[in-house]
Amino acid sequence: MPPLDAEEQAILESVELGEWQPVPDVTQEIERYRTYAQSQVNGLAAVSLELPTSDLQRLQSFAEESGVSVSLLMATVLHQFVVSRQE
């Protein structure tokens, strides 16, 4: 087995210290999160838009730096804008 990286080692130590607790009804919790995830997927709508090439290139660079897809980056930025306008 390969050695653990720093994050994996921290998790192992946390478990060994007893900081993790079992979920009382894991089947119920799995179903709860499955339902939540499905409602999120069902609530999405596809859009198409045209951007200047230079903007798209900059978005691709930002996305790459952040380790996410361009579509996720754009959806997140637009969501933050919409939410900020509701307040």
Protein backbone atom coordinates (compact mmCIF):
# COMPACT_ATOMS: atom_id res chain seq x y z
CA MET A 1 0.00 0.00 0.00
CA PRO A 2 1.42 3.44 -0.93
CA PRO A 3 2.12 5.89 1.90
CA LEU A 4 -0.63 8.28 2.92
CA ASP A 5 -0.48 11.90 1.82
CA ALA A 6 -0.86 14.68 4.41
CA GLU A 7 -4.65 14.94 4.05
CA GLU A 8 -5.14 11.18 4.30
CA GLN A 9 -2.85 11.04 7.36
CA ALA A 10 -4.85 13.82 9.05
CA ILE A 11 -8.10 11.93 8.43
CA LEU A 12 -6.61 8.70 9.80
CA GLU A 13 -5.41 10.46 12.93
CA SER A 14 -8.81 12.10 13.39
CA VAL A 15 -10.54 8.71 13.15
CA GLU A 16 -8.06 7.14 15.56
CA LEU A 17 -8.70 9.95 18.07
CA GLY A 18 -12.41 9.08 18.01
CA GLU A 19 -13.47 12.35 16.41
CA TRP A 20 -15.73 10.54 13.91
CA GLN A 21 -19.11 9.20 14.95
CA PRO A 22 -21.26 6.67 13.10
CA VAL A 23 -24.51 7.84 11.56
CA PRO A 24 -27.41 6.30 13.53
CA ASP A 25 -29.45 5.28 10.46
CA VAL A 26 -27.08 5.31 7.52
CA THR A 27 -29.71 3.96 5.09
CA GLN A 28 -32.05 6.84 5.92
CA GLU A 29 -29.25 9.39 5.58
CA ILE A 30 -28.18 8.00 2.20
CA GLU A 31 -31.75 8.25 0.96
CA ARG A 32 -32.06 11.81 2.31
CA TYR A 33 -28.95 12.94 0.43
CA ARG A 34 -29.95 10.99 -2.68
CA THR A 35 -33.30 12.82 -2.69
CA TYR A 36 -31.56 16.15 -2.16
CA ALA A 37 -29.12 15.51 -5.01
CA GLN A 38 -31.90 14.42 -7.35
CA SER A 39 -33.90 17.57 -6.60
CA GLN A 40 -30.83 19.64 -7.46
CA VAL A 41 -30.36 17.84 -10.78
CA ASN A 42 -34.04 18.15 -11.63
CA GLY A 43 -33.89 21.86 -10.91
CA LEU A 44 -31.23 22.60 -13.53
CA ALA A 45 -31.85 24.08 -16.96
CA ALA A 46 -29.40 24.23 -19.85
CA VAL A 47 -28.62 27.56 -21.50
CA SER A 48 -26.55 28.58 -24.46
CA LEU A 49 -24.71 31.87 -24.69
CA GLU A 50 -22.15 33.56 -26.83
CA LEU A 51 -19.13 35.27 -25.32
CA PRO A 52 -16.20 37.13 -26.77
CA THR A 53 -13.34 34.67 -27.32
CA SER A 54 -11.09 36.64 -24.98
CA ASP A 55 -13.65 36.37 -22.14
CA LEU A 56 -14.01 32.64 -22.65
CA GLN A 57 -10.23 32.20 -22.64
CA ARG A 58 -9.97 34.09 -19.36
CA LEU A 59 -12.81 32.04 -17.88
CA GLN A 60 -11.01 28.86 -18.95
CA SER A 61 -7.85 30.08 -17.23
CA PHE A 62 -9.74 30.92 -14.02
CA ALA A 63 -11.49 27.54 -14.11
CA GLU A 64 -8.23 25.69 -14.61
CA GLU A 65 -6.61 27.57 -11.71
CA SER A 66 -9.62 26.69 -9.54
CA GLY A 67 -9.71 23.07 -10.63
CA VAL A 68 -13.29 23.23 -11.89
CA SER A 69 -14.97 23.14 -15.28
CA VAL A 70 -15.79 26.35 -17.13
CA SER A 71 -19.50 25.54 -16.94
CA LEU A 72 -19.34 25.08 -13.16
CA LEU A 73 -17.39 28.31 -12.77
CA MET A 74 -19.92 30.24 -14.89
CA ALA A 75 -22.89 28.69 -13.07
CA THR A 76 -21.35 29.55 -9.70
CA VAL A 77 -20.62 33.15 -10.65
CA LEU A 78 -24.10 33.65 -12.10
CA HIS A 79 -25.70 32.04 -9.04
CA GLN A 80 -23.75 34.34 -6.72
CA PHE A 81 -24.88 37.34 -8.78
CA VAL A 82 -28.54 36.28 -8.68
CA VAL A 83 -28.45 35.57 -4.93
CA SER A 84 -26.76 38.90 -4.20
CA ARG A 85 -29.58 40.70 -6.06
CA GLN A 86 -32.28 39.01 -3.94
CA GLU A 87 -31.03 40.54 -0.70
